[in-house]
Amino acid sequence: MRRHNLFCISKRVLTRGYTDVRKPIIIDFSRKNKKDYEFTDVMNQKSRDQKTNPAQTIDQTTPSSTPIIDEKAYSMYFDIAKEHLREGNLSKSTEVLSECIKHWHSNPIPYVHRGRAYLQKGEIDLGLKDLKKAIELSNQSLTLSDHDLADVHYNLGIVYLNRGMKDSSLLEYNKCINCIIKNNEIVDPDSKEILIHAFNNRGHLLLQSKPDQALLDFEKAFDYIEPDSYTSPEYTSLRFNKAKVLYLLGRQKESKNDFDNLLDIMKWSKTGPKVDLEISVRTILINLCLSLGDLSEASNHLNESITKLLGLRTSAQLDQDKSLLRDCDAQLHRLYKIRYKSFDDSSVSDINNCIKHCKMDSEPFYDRAMLNIKNKLYDDAIFDLTAALQRFDPTDPYKTLLNRRDIEVKRAECYEFKGDWYSAIMDYKSAINDLGKVDDAVVKSSVAPAIHVRIAILYLRCNAISTDYSRDVGEALRSLTSAINTSERSFVDAYHHRYHVYQQLHQQQCKLSGLDPLFESDDEGYHRRAVSDMEKVIQLTEDSSVVNNSDQDEKLRMIHRLIMRQQALTNIGIANLYILKNYSSACSNFEESLNIINRHATEIGQNYVTTSLKRLYKLLSLSNFKVGRYVNSGTYLLMLLRLNKK
């Protein structure tokens, strides 16, 4: 009997995980071997019963209203029905079997055959009803053999699985297996074929939820395969499922070996490999080879899969098969994505092909934008990032609001490179709004402040070319304050930029009031706030030191903190020198700032060092003169003169 095989074929690219397996399709349920239900056996048994108990007649075993036919006539009806079933004439078969049931409706065997015929015709409800009726009659009177009862439960299991009733399907497969195996032995050797496929299908049902138990079922199925049939293409689905469950259990080498063997068996089969199954096998092998570091073999499987899919897609176009065409495009899209993401030598053409076969996926547009940014093609990058945002699907489990934020931030950076600062500000603000929908407090406290600082910096840049001074500086100040408030730890960059904004506001207010901003404090208290932020920066950067290791990013971060500390010390020293008249504190501030420059001159950079030294020598000379340290004042003045000569 040809059995239905359940293939566990992944519908999603394997780097992002597995989804539900493909639903089964009910196909030919007729027996492959010549053994069929023999009505004559039942009739002979009834004849023997009548001889043993002459008082019991056929009339007493059937309803009086039902016409009775003799054994020979019934056997003829049944043989005709079976012949129609073998020839595929399902309508004629169901008509004859219905006539049999009409005359003897207490026999379960015609219900079994008619149920099969209905299933093959696609009349699932009628088939299901007949199979259930056969089991009911078998329990009441005429009992089906264990072999036949197992076959009924097997077919019911497929029907239930096709309808998504997995629990009911699992129950039927359990009953099927229990009909065949009793006391750890097979009741009927002819039932091995049913048993093999029942174990396979039950393992399929357990594949995702209980992979360990699924593997046991697949191994049991292999135990019952005859040695001369071990490499038969009939057991392709069983090999696929066993290899896949090994993959899910992390036994990659064993899984790869099984998939390789499966490809070989499919290659040498008379009908040749099915393209869709071969592509599914190769897709998993691609991921296995990448995980095991075999890039060459992964590339071969990838190229072979793409070639076969392109051929299949061409056939679908010629046949105008829209469903197959969509499936081919979806798989080509996934394979091109694997290729350009996994291999360094892949070109932008792979991304273009990926977009060609699925224009609704935002990820390839984002990836192409990254290449355009790398090549400084900012207009093209903005186009692709805009396309990615338009196609962004927040319901996709593999795309979150954080991904959307990344796209918006990247587009804002492109606008920055182009000098379109207001557009960049709009994207940064949109990214902030997306962050507000994220539950992760750590992400909010680490990412949001940095974006607020970028917004502030851009507003300050806009202020340089804008006539609306109060709007841009006010927005910058609000953004920096938001950065400080949303950070669980004090955000140094925000304090650093905010005291510069306060200094600008101090200068602006002094000009409006007719005051000298260098020597006098404004009426609004901006200078006082600036000094407070400077002190905060100095406090937060007390542990700053250059990291002497191979982590270049960490080293650059620490240098950045050192420069912020040095600038804050210098600026607070100026405030002490000119406005607060605290000359001793000013000297201390300038000397600490000078020590930072001298200790880390190599890391900081020569141009910055030279400019800072000229400024500090001048300020140290003046502050030392104010406190009466005339020798120190003269020394710093001479150092300034020598530096200017250089």
Foldseek 3Di string as FASTA:
>chain_A
DQDFFFAQFAPDQPVVHGDGGDATADAQLDDPDPDDDQPVVVVVVVVVVCVVPVVDDPCNVADVVADADDPVVLNVLQVVLVVCVVVVVLVVNLVSLVVSCSRPVLALRSLQSNLSSCVNVVVNVSSLVSLVSSVVSLVVDPNDQLLSNLSSLQVVLSSCSNVVNLVSSLVSLVSSLCSQADPNHGPDLVNLVSQLRSLQVNLSSCLPPPLVSSLVSLVVSLVSDDPVCNLPCSCLSSLNSNLVSCVVVVVLVVSLVSLVSSQVSQCPDPVHHDLVVLLSSLSVNLVSCLVVVNNVSSVVSLVVNLVSLVVQLVVCVVVVPVVSNLSSLSSLLSSLVCVVVRDPPDDLVSLVSNCVSPVLALVSLQVVLVVCVVVVVLVSSLVSLVSSLVSDDCVPPVDHLVNNLVSLQVNLVSCVVVVVLVSSLVSLVVSLVSVVPDPDLVCQQPPQLVSLQSNLVSLVVVCVVDPPNCVSLVSSLVSLVVSQVSHPDGDLSSLLVNLVSLLVVQCVQCVVVVHDSQAETGPVCSNVSSLVSLVVLLVVLVVQDADPDPPPVVRVVSLVSLVSNLVSLQVNLSCCVRHVVVLVSSLVSLVVSLVSCVVCVPVNDVVVSLVSLLVSLQSNLVSCVSVPNNVSNVVSVVVNVVSVVD
